[in-house]
Amino acid sequence: MSRAAALAVLALLSACSDRPPTVIDGSSPEAFEHTTEAARRDLPDAERLAYDRALRNVGGRRYANRDPDALARVTFDGMTARQVVDDQKARD
């Protein structure tokens, strides 16, 4: 088996994982940071830019909010990375 074929098989197996997607926890800044990083790893590389953009631009949703980090924790709490990306694409 060639190296490329072996890598393709590994990629296919990892895509077929039965592991549930990571749910973002906005209960604290530490939990939010940990779970958003873990959720990001659930996405394919092509979707990670949209995910990162959504997390960074949450402050634009409410102009009067003085704490965009707290708003991000409230906005994305309970969502998966896929839901964050889908929401961002709907807003683009």
PDB file of N, CA and C in Angstrom:
ATOM      1  N   MET A   1       0.858  -1.174   0.000  1.00  0.00           N
ATOM      2  CA  MET A   1       0.000   0.000   0.000  1.00  0.00           C
ATOM      3  C   MET A   1       0.898   1.228   0.000  1.00  0.00           C
ATOM      4  N   SER A   2       0.620   2.135  -0.915  1.00  0.00           N
ATOM      5  CA  SER A   2       1.439   3.335  -1.002  1.00  0.00           C
ATOM      6  C   SER A   2       1.133   4.273   0.162  1.00  0.00           C
ATOM      7  N   ARG A   3       2.033   5.181   0.372  1.00  0.00           N
ATOM      8  CA  ARG A   3       1.874   6.129   1.472  1.00  0.00           C
ATOM      9  C   ARG A   3       0.627   6.998   1.280  1.00  0.00           C
ATOM     10  N   ALA A   4       0.386   7.437   0.050  1.00  0.00           N
ATOM     11  CA  ALA A   4      -0.784   8.270  -0.231  1.00  0.00           C
ATOM     12  C   ALA A   4      -2.074   7.495   0.028  1.00  0.00           C
ATOM     13  N   ALA A   5      -2.092   6.232  -0.342  1.00  0.00           N
ATOM     14  CA  ALA A   5      -3.280   5.416  -0.111  1.00  0.00           C
ATOM     15  C   ALA A   5      -3.509   5.229   1.385  1.00  0.00           C
ATOM     16  N   ALA A   6      -2.438   5.015   2.127  1.00  0.00           N
ATOM     17  CA  ALA A   6      -2.556   4.844   3.570  1.00  0.00           C
ATOM     18  C   ALA A   6      -3.095   6.112   4.218  1.00  0.00           C
ATOM     19  N   LEU A   7      -2.623   7.274   3.778  1.00  0.00           N
ATOM     20  CA  LEU A   7      -3.124   8.534   4.311  1.00  0.00           C
ATOM     21  C   LEU A   7      -4.591   8.749   3.949  1.00  0.00           C
ATOM     22  N   ALA A   8      -4.968   8.355   2.752  1.00  0.00           N
ATOM     23  CA  ALA A   8      -6.366   8.484   2.341  1.00  0.00           C
ATOM     24  C   ALA A   8      -7.271   7.614   3.201  1.00  0.00           C
ATOM     25  N   VAL A   9      -6.814   6.402   3.504  1.00  0.00           N
ATOM     26  CA  VAL A   9      -7.598   5.500   4.348  1.00  0.00           C
ATOM     27  C   VAL A   9      -7.733   6.077   5.756  1.00  0.00           C
ATOM     28  N   LEU A  10      -6.653   6.612   6.288  1.00  0.00           N
ATOM     29  CA  LEU A  10      -6.703   7.222   7.617  1.00  0.00           C
ATOM     30  C   LEU A  10      -7.643   8.425   7.645  1.00  0.00           C
ATOM     31  N   ALA A  11      -7.596   9.242   6.608  1.00  0.00           N
ATOM     32  CA  ALA A  11      -8.491  10.400   6.545  1.00  0.00           C
ATOM     33  C   ALA A  11      -9.949   9.956   6.478  1.00  0.00           C
ATOM     34  N   LEU A  12     -10.206   8.924   5.718  1.00  0.00           N
ATOM     35  CA  LEU A  12     -11.564   8.405   5.599  1.00  0.00           C
ATOM     36  C   LEU A  12     -12.057   7.849   6.932  1.00  0.00           C
ATOM     37  N   LEU A  13     -11.204   7.119   7.622  1.00  0.00           N
ATOM     38  CA  LEU A  13     -11.593   6.557   8.913  1.00  0.00           C
ATOM     39  C   LEU A  13     -11.846   7.640   9.949  1.00  0.00           C
ATOM     40  N   SER A  14     -11.035   8.682   9.932  1.00  0.00           N
ATOM     41  CA  SER A  14     -11.245   9.755  10.908  1.00  0.00           C
ATOM     42  C   SER A  14     -12.519  10.535  10.597  1.00  0.00           C
ATOM     43  N   ALA A  15     -12.891  10.615   9.335  1.00  0.00           N
ATOM     44  CA  ALA A  15     -14.132  11.302   8.963  1.00  0.00           C
ATOM     45  C   ALA A  15     -15.360  10.498   9.360  1.00  0.00           C
ATOM     46  N   CYS A  16     -15.211   9.200   9.531  1.00  0.00           N
ATOM     47  CA  CYS A  16     -16.328   8.333   9.870  1.00  0.00           C
ATOM     48  C   CYS A  16     -16.420   8.074  11.371  1.00  0.00           C
ATOM     49  N   SER A  17     -15.843   8.929  12.145  1.00  0.00           N
ATOM     50  CA  SER A  17     -15.829   8.754  13.595  1.00  0.00           C
ATOM     51  C   SER A  17     -17.232   8.799  14.171  1.00  0.00           C
ATOM     52  N   ASP A  18     -17.473   8.000  15.187  1.00  0.00           N
ATOM     53  CA  ASP A  18     -18.752   8.002  15.879  1.00  0.00           C
ATOM     54  C   ASP A  18     -18.761   9.001  17.032  1.00  0.00           C
ATOM     55  N   ARG A  19     -17.673   9.722  17.208  1.00  0.00           N
ATOM     56  CA  ARG A  19     -17.563  10.693  18.291  1.00  0.00           C
ATOM     57  C   ARG A  19     -18.529  11.844  18.037  1.00  0.00           C
ATOM     58  N   PRO A  20     -19.330  12.220  19.016  1.00  0.00           N
ATOM     59  CA  PRO A  20     -20.258  13.338  18.815  1.00  0.00           C
ATOM     60  C   PRO A  20     -19.488  14.649  18.676  1.00  0.00           C
ATOM     61  N   PRO A  21     -20.076  15.628  17.996  1.00  0.00           N
ATOM     62  CA  PRO A  21     -19.380  16.906  17.842  1.00  0.00           C
ATOM     63  C   PRO A  21     -19.250  17.625  19.192  1.00  0.00           C
ATOM     64  N   THR A  22     -18.222  18.409  19.311  1.00  0.00           N
ATOM     65  CA  THR A  22     -17.986  19.179  20.527  1.00  0.00           C
ATOM     66  C   THR A  22     -19.014  20.303  20.633  1.00  0.00           C
ATOM     67  N   VAL A  23     -19.590  20.448  21.807  1.00  0.00           N
ATOM     68  CA  VAL A  23     -20.554  21.514  22.073  1.00  0.00           C
ATOM     69  C   VAL A  23     -19.817  22.633  22.808  1.00  0.00           C
ATOM     70  N   ILE A  24     -19.982  23.836  22.332  1.00  0.00           N
ATOM     71  CA  ILE A  24     -19.307  24.992  22.922  1.00  0.00           C
ATOM     72  C   ILE A  24     -19.947  25.323  24.265  1.00  0.00           C
ATOM     73  N   ASP A  25     -19.093  25.512  25.267  1.00  0.00           N
ATOM     74  CA  ASP A  25     -19.524  25.826  26.634  1.00  0.00           C
ATOM     75  C   ASP A  25     -19.171  27.276  26.938  1.00  0.00           C
ATOM     76  N   GLY A  26     -20.170  28.131  27.069  1.00  0.00           N
ATOM     77  CA  GLY A  26     -19.941  29.545  27.346  1.00  0.00           C
ATOM     78  C   GLY A  26     -20.065  29.921  28.803  1.00  0.00           C
ATOM     79  N   SER A  27     -20.004  28.934  29.687  1.00  0.00           N
ATOM     80  CA  SER A  27     -20.210  29.206  31.110  1.00  0.00           C
ATOM     81  C   SER A  27     -19.085  30.010  31.750  1.00  0.00           C
ATOM     82  N   SER A  28     -17.894  29.959  31.175  1.00  0.00           N
ATOM     83  CA  SER A  28     -16.765  30.734  31.688  1.00  0.00           C
ATOM     84  C   SER A  28     -15.800  30.999  30.537  1.00  0.00           C
ATOM     85  N   PRO A  29     -14.946  32.014  30.679  1.00  0.00           N
ATOM     86  CA  PRO A  29     -13.969  32.271  29.617  1.00  0.00           C
ATOM     87  C   PRO A  29     -13.057  31.069  29.348  1.00  0.00           C
ATOM     88  N   GLU A  30     -12.667  30.359  30.405  1.00  0.00           N
ATOM     89  CA  GLU A  30     -11.780  29.216  30.243  1.00  0.00           C
ATOM     90  C   GLU A  30     -12.476  28.074  29.505  1.00  0.00           C
ATOM     91  N   ALA A  31     -13.703  27.774  29.911  1.00  0.00           N
ATOM     92  CA  ALA A  31     -14.458  26.704  29.245  1.00  0.00           C
ATOM     93  C   ALA A  31     -14.729  27.068  27.793  1.00  0.00           C
ATOM     94  N   PHE A  32     -15.026  28.345  27.528  1.00  0.00           N
ATOM     95  CA  PHE A  32     -15.289  28.786  26.166  1.00  0.00           C
ATOM     96  C   PHE A  32     -14.049  28.617  25.298  1.00  0.00           C
ATOM     97  N   GLU A  33     -12.908  29.030  25.802  1.00  0.00           N
ATOM     98  CA  GLU A  33     -11.662  28.908  25.043  1.00  0.00           C
ATOM     99  C   GLU A  33     -11.353  27.436  24.742  1.00  0.00           C
ATOM    100  N   HIS A  34     -11.479  26.597  25.747  1.00  0.00           N
ATOM    101  CA  HIS A  34     -11.181  25.170  25.572  1.00  0.00           C
ATOM    102  C   HIS A  34     -12.126  24.514  24.569  1.00  0.00           C
ATOM    103  N   THR A  35     -13.420  24.766  24.710  1.00  0.00           N
ATOM    104  CA  THR A  35     -14.381  24.082  23.847  1.00  0.00           C
ATOM    105  C   THR A  35     -14.421  24.660  22.434  1.00  0.00           C
ATOM    106  N   THR A  36     -14.142  25.965  22.268  1.00  0.00           N
ATOM    107  CA  THR A  36     -14.105  26.495  20.904  1.00  0.00           C
ATOM    108  C   THR A  36     -12.909  25.944  20.132  1.00  0.00           C
ATOM    109  N   GLU A  37     -11.797  25.732  20.813  1.00  0.00           N
ATOM    110  CA  GLU A  37     -10.636  25.120  20.148  1.00  0.00           C
ATOM    111  C   GLU A  37     -10.922  23.661  19.791  1.00  0.00           C
ATOM    112  N   ALA A  38     -11.543  22.940  20.700  1.00  0.00           N
ATOM    113  CA  ALA A  38     -11.886  21.543  20.421  1.00  0.00           C
ATOM    114  C   ALA A  38     -12.919  21.458  19.295  1.00  0.00           C
ATOM    115  N   ALA A  39     -13.902  22.351  19.305  1.00  0.00           N
ATOM    116  CA  ALA A  39     -14.924  22.354  18.252  1.00  0.00           C
ATOM    117  C   ALA A  39     -14.307  22.690  16.904  1.00  0.00           C
ATOM    118  N   ARG A  40     -13.330  23.577  16.885  1.00  0.00           N
ATOM    119  CA  ARG A  40     -12.658  23.948  15.633  1.00  0.00           C
ATOM    120  C   ARG A  40     -12.010  22.734  14.983  1.00  0.00           C
ATOM    121  N   ARG A  41     -11.474  21.848  15.810  1.00  0.00           N
ATOM    122  CA  ARG A  41     -10.829  20.637  15.278  1.00  0.00           C
ATOM    123  C   ARG A  41     -11.837  19.663  14.678  1.00  0.00           C
ATOM    124  N   ASP A  42     -13.113  19.836  14.970  1.00  0.00           N
ATOM    125  CA  ASP A  42     -14.157  18.989  14.375  1.00  0.00           C
ATOM    126  C   ASP A  42     -14.418  19.337  12.912  1.00  0.00           C
ATOM    127  N   LEU A  43     -13.977  20.524  12.492  1.00  0.00           N
ATOM    128  CA  LEU A  43     -14.273  21.004  11.141  1.00  0.00           C
ATOM    129  C   LEU A  43     -13.172  20.651  10.153  1.00  0.00           C
ATOM    130  N   PRO A  44     -13.538  20.487   8.883  1.00  0.00           N
ATOM    131  CA  PRO A  44     -12.499  20.366   7.853  1.00  0.00           C
ATOM    132  C   PRO A  44     -11.776  21.705   7.702  1.00  0.00           C
ATOM    133  N   ASP A  45     -10.563  21.670   7.198  1.00  0.00           N
ATOM    134  CA  ASP A  45      -9.757  22.887   7.073  1.00  0.00           C
ATOM    135  C   ASP A  45     -10.476  23.990   6.304  1.00  0.00           C
ATOM    136  N   ALA A  46     -11.211  23.651   5.280  1.00  0.00           N
ATOM    137  CA  ALA A  46     -11.881  24.644   4.441  1.00  0.00           C
ATOM    138  C   ALA A  46     -12.945  25.432   5.201  1.00  0.00           C
ATOM    139  N   GLU A  47     -13.470  24.896   6.271  1.00  0.00           N
ATOM    140  CA  GLU A  47     -14.540  25.550   7.027  1.00  0.00           C
ATOM    141  C   GLU A  47     -14.018  26.340   8.232  1.00  0.00           C
ATOM    142  N   ARG A  48     -12.762  26.160   8.561  1.00  0.00           N
ATOM    143  CA  ARG A  48     -12.227  26.787   9.775  1.00  0.00           C
ATOM    144  C   ARG A  48     -12.135  28.303   9.680  1.00  0.00           C
ATOM    145  N   LEU A  49     -11.922  28.834   8.480  1.00  0.00           N
ATOM    146  CA  LEU A  49     -11.867  30.293   8.340  1.00  0.00           C
ATOM    147  C   LEU A  49     -13.224  30.924   8.639  1.00  0.00           C
ATOM    148  N   ALA A  50     -14.294  30.312   8.166  1.00  0.00           N
ATOM    149  CA  ALA A  50     -15.641  30.831   8.454  1.00  0.00           C
ATOM    150  C   ALA A  50     -15.921  30.750   9.953  1.00  0.00           C
ATOM    151  N   TYR A  51     -15.476  29.674  10.580  1.00  0.00           N
ATOM    152  CA  TYR A  51     -15.652  29.504  12.022  1.00  0.00           C
ATOM    153  C   TYR A  51     -14.895  30.592  12.781  1.00  0.00           C
ATOM    154  N   ASP A  52     -13.650  30.806  12.420  1.00  0.00           N
ATOM    155  CA  ASP A  52     -12.845  31.837  13.078  1.00  0.00           C
ATOM    156  C   ASP A  52     -13.459  33.222  12.877  1.00  0.00           C
ATOM    157  N   ARG A  53     -13.946  33.490  11.672  1.00  0.00           N
ATOM    158  CA  ARG A  53     -14.565  34.780  11.374  1.00  0.00           C
ATOM    159  C   ARG A  53     -15.807  34.993  12.241  1.00  0.00           C
ATOM    160  N   ALA A  54     -16.599  33.954  12.407  1.00  0.00           N
ATOM    161  CA  ALA A  54     -17.808  34.065  13.237  1.00  0.00           C
ATOM    162  C   ALA A  54     -17.447  34.395  14.679  1.00  0.00           C
ATOM    163  N   LEU A  55     -16.436  33.736  15.209  1.00  0.00           N
ATOM    164  CA  LEU A  55     -16.054  33.993  16.598  1.00  0.00           C
ATOM    165  C   LEU A  55     -15.496  35.400  16.782  1.00  0.00           C
ATOM    166  N   ARG A  56     -14.778  35.891  15.787  1.00  0.00           N
ATOM    167  CA  ARG A  56     -14.178  37.229  15.893  1.00  0.00           C
ATOM    168  C   ARG A  56     -15.183  38.351  15.679  1.00  0.00           C
ATOM    169  N   ASN A  57     -16.188  38.128  14.857  1.00  0.00           N
ATOM    170  CA  ASN A  57     -17.086  39.215  14.452  1.00  0.00           C
ATOM    171  C   ASN A  57     -18.393  39.256  15.224  1.00  0.00           C
ATOM    172  N   VAL A  58     -18.482  38.555  16.295  1.00  0.00           N
ATOM    173  CA  VAL A  58     -19.723  38.545  17.065  1.00  0.00           C
ATOM    174  C   VAL A  58     -20.058  39.924  17.615  1.00  0.00           C
ATOM    175  N   GLY A  59     -19.071  40.744  17.864  1.00  0.00           N
ATOM    176  CA  GLY A  59     -19.305  42.084  18.393  1.00  0.00           C
ATOM    177  C   GLY A  59     -20.097  42.965  17.448  1.00  0.00           C
ATOM    178  N   GLY A  60     -20.020  42.688  16.162  1.00  0.00           N
ATOM    179  CA  GLY A  60     -20.761  43.458  15.181  1.00  0.00           C
ATOM    180  C   GLY A  60     -22.251  43.192  15.212  1.00  0.00           C
ATOM    181  N   ARG A  61     -22.665  42.180  15.931  1.00  0.00           N
ATOM    182  CA  ARG A  61     -24.089  41.851  15.996  1.00  0.00           C
ATOM    183  C   ARG A  61     -24.853  42.826  16.874  1.00  0.00           C
ATOM    184  N   ARG A  62     -24.182  43.350  17.887  1.00  0.00           N
ATOM    185  CA  ARG A  62     -24.804  44.323  18.795  1.00  0.00           C
ATOM    186  C   ARG A  62     -23.780  45.426  19.033  1.00  0.00           C
ATOM    187  N   TYR A  63     -23.983  46.530  18.386  1.00  0.00           N
ATOM    188  CA  TYR A  63     -22.986  47.601  18.432  1.00  0.00           C
ATOM    189  C   TYR A  63     -22.791  48.191  19.818  1.00  0.00           C
ATOM    190  N   ALA A  64     -23.802  48.176  20.641  1.00  0.00           N
ATOM    191  CA  ALA A  64     -23.711  48.805  21.955  1.00  0.00           C
ATOM    192  C   ALA A  64     -23.033  47.915  22.992  1.00  0.00           C
ATOM    193  N   ASN A  65     -22.754  46.667  22.651  1.00  0.00           N
ATOM    194  CA  ASN A  65     -22.169  45.753  23.622  1.00  0.00           C
ATOM    195  C   ASN A  65     -20.709  46.107  23.860  1.00  0.00           C
ATOM    196  N   ARG A  66     -20.359  46.329  25.108  1.00  0.00           N
ATOM    197  CA  ARG A  66     -18.987  46.721  25.449  1.00  0.00           C
ATOM    198  C   ARG A  66     -18.083  45.536  25.754  1.00  0.00           C
ATOM    199  N   ASP A  67     -18.641  44.366  25.857  1.00  0.00           N
ATOM    200  CA  ASP A  67     -17.837  43.173  26.155  1.00  0.00           C
ATOM    201  C   ASP A  67     -18.100  42.103  25.089  1.00  0.00           C
ATOM    202  N   PRO A  68     -17.387  42.188  23.951  1.00  0.00           N
ATOM    203  CA  PRO A  68     -17.640  41.220  22.878  1.00  0.00           C
ATOM    204  C   PRO A  68     -17.305  39.785  23.274  1.00  0.00           C
ATOM    205  N   ASP A  69     -16.373  39.595  24.210  1.00  0.00           N
ATOM    206  CA  ASP A  69     -16.049  38.237  24.647  1.00  0.00           C
ATOM    207  C   ASP A  69     -17.229  37.600  25.376  1.00  0.00           C
ATOM    208  N   ALA A  70     -17.874  38.375  26.242  1.00  0.00           N
ATOM    209  CA  ALA A  70     -19.050  37.856  26.947  1.00  0.00           C
ATOM    210  C   ALA A  70     -20.190  37.605  25.968  1.00  0.00           C
ATOM    211  N   LEU A  71     -20.339  38.485  24.993  1.00  0.00           N
ATOM    212  CA  LEU A  71     -21.377  38.290  23.980  1.00  0.00           C
ATOM    213  C   LEU A  71     -21.121  37.018  23.179  1.00  0.00           C
ATOM    214  N   ALA A  72     -19.871  36.749  22.851  1.00  0.00           N
ATOM    215  CA  ALA A  72     -19.529  35.526  22.125  1.00  0.00           C
ATOM    216  C   ALA A  72     -19.874  34.296  22.962  1.00  0.00           C
ATOM    217  N   ARG A  73     -19.576  34.349  24.258  1.00  0.00           N
ATOM    218  CA  ARG A  73     -19.885  33.201  25.119  1.00  0.00           C
ATOM    219  C   ARG A  73     -21.385  32.944  25.165  1.00  0.00           C
ATOM    220  N   VAL A  74     -22.178  34.002  25.239  1.00  0.00           N
ATOM    221  CA  VAL A  74     -23.639  33.850  25.285  1.00  0.00           C
ATOM    222  C   VAL A  74     -24.178  33.400  23.926  1.00  0.00           C
ATOM    223  N   THR A  75     -23.667  33.996  22.867  1.00  0.00           N
ATOM    224  CA  THR A  75     -24.167  33.710  21.520  1.00  0.00           C
ATOM    225  C   THR A  75     -23.917  32.275  21.107  1.00  0.00           C
ATOM    226  N   PHE A  76     -22.714  31.760  21.361  1.00  0.00           N
ATOM    227  CA  PHE A  76     -22.332  30.446  20.847  1.00  0.00           C
ATOM    228  C   PHE A  76     -22.480  29.316  21.863  1.00  0.00           C
ATOM    229  N   ASP A  77     -22.897  29.632  23.071  1.00  0.00           N
ATOM    230  CA  ASP A  77     -23.076  28.609  24.101  1.00  0.00           C
ATOM    231  C   ASP A  77     -24.089  27.560  23.629  1.00  0.00           C
ATOM    232  N   GLY A  78     -23.684  26.297  23.672  1.00  0.00           N
ATOM    233  CA  GLY A  78     -24.566  25.196  23.295  1.00  0.00           C
ATOM    234  C   GLY A  78     -24.546  24.850  21.821  1.00  0.00           C
ATOM    235  N   MET A  79     -23.771  25.576  21.027  1.00  0.00           N
ATOM    236  CA  MET A  79     -23.699  25.309  19.589  1.00  0.00           C
ATOM    237  C   MET A  79     -22.509  24.410  19.275  1.00  0.00           C
ATOM    238  N   THR A  80     -22.585  23.736  18.147  1.00  0.00           N
ATOM    239  CA  THR A  80     -21.441  22.982  17.624  1.00  0.00           C
ATOM    240  C   THR A  80     -20.729  23.858  16.595  1.00  0.00           C
ATOM    241  N   ALA A  81     -19.545  23.460  16.204  1.00  0.00           N
ATOM    242  CA  ALA A  81     -18.804  24.211  15.191  1.00  0.00           C
ATOM    243  C   ALA A  81     -19.586  24.269  13.884  1.00  0.00           C
ATOM    244  N   ARG A  82     -20.244  23.195  13.512  1.00  0.00           N
ATOM    245  CA  ARG A  82     -21.044  23.160  12.286  1.00  0.00           C
ATOM    246  C   ARG A  82     -22.158  24.206  12.352  1.00  0.00           C
ATOM    247  N   GLN A  83     -22.812  24.337  13.487  1.00  0.00           N
ATOM    248  CA  GLN A  83     -23.877  25.330  13.644  1.00  0.00           C
ATOM    249  C   GLN A  83     -23.328  26.748  13.559  1.00  0.00           C
ATOM    250  N   VAL A  84     -22.146  26.973  14.124  1.00  0.00           N
ATOM    251  CA  VAL A  84     -21.514  28.291  14.063  1.00  0.00           C
ATOM    252  C   VAL A  84     -21.210  28.653  12.609  1.00  0.00           C
ATOM    253  N   VAL A  85     -20.647  27.708  11.866  1.00  0.00           N
ATOM    254  CA  VAL A  85     -20.314  27.947  10.458  1.00  0.00           C
ATOM    255  C   VAL A  85     -21.576  28.186   9.639  1.00  0.00           C
ATOM    256  N   ASP A  86     -22.600  27.378   9.848  1.00  0.00           N
ATOM    257  CA  ASP A  86     -23.849  27.569   9.114  1.00  0.00           C
ATOM    258  C   ASP A  86     -24.470  28.925   9.406  1.00  0.00           C
ATOM    259  N   ASP A  87     -24.420  29.356  10.658  1.00  0.00           N
ATOM    260  CA  ASP A  87     -24.932  30.674  11.034  1.00  0.00           C
ATOM    261  C   ASP A  87     -24.129  31.770  10.358  1.00  0.00           C
ATOM    262  N   GLN A  88     -22.811  31.635  10.335  1.00  0.00           N
ATOM    263  CA  GLN A  88     -21.957  32.634   9.700  1.00  0.00           C
ATOM    264  C   GLN A  88     -22.234  32.708   8.199  1.00  0.00           C
ATOM    265  N   LYS A  89     -22.391  31.572   7.561  1.00  0.00           N
ATOM    266  CA  LYS A  89     -22.674  31.567   6.115  1.00  0.00           C
ATOM    267  C   LYS A  89     -24.024  32.213   5.828  1.00  0.00           C
ATOM    268  N   ALA A  90     -24.984  32.038   6.692  1.00  0.00           N
ATOM    269  CA  ALA A  90     -26.296  32.664   6.506  1.00  0.00           C
ATOM    270  C   ALA A  90     -26.191  34.183   6.641  1.00  0.00           C
ATOM    271  N   ARG A  91     -25.235  34.655   7.436  1.00  0.00           N
ATOM    272  CA  ARG A  91     -25.074  36.094   7.652  1.00  0.00           C
ATOM    273  C   ARG A  91     -24.224  36.749   6.557  1.00  0.00           C
ATOM    274  N   ASP A  92     -23.427  35.960   5.843  1.00  0.00           N
ATOM    275  CA  ASP A  92     -22.559  36.524   4.778  1.00  0.00           C
ATOM    276  C   ASP A  92     -23.352  36.957   3.578  1.00  0.00           C
TER     277      ASP A  92
END
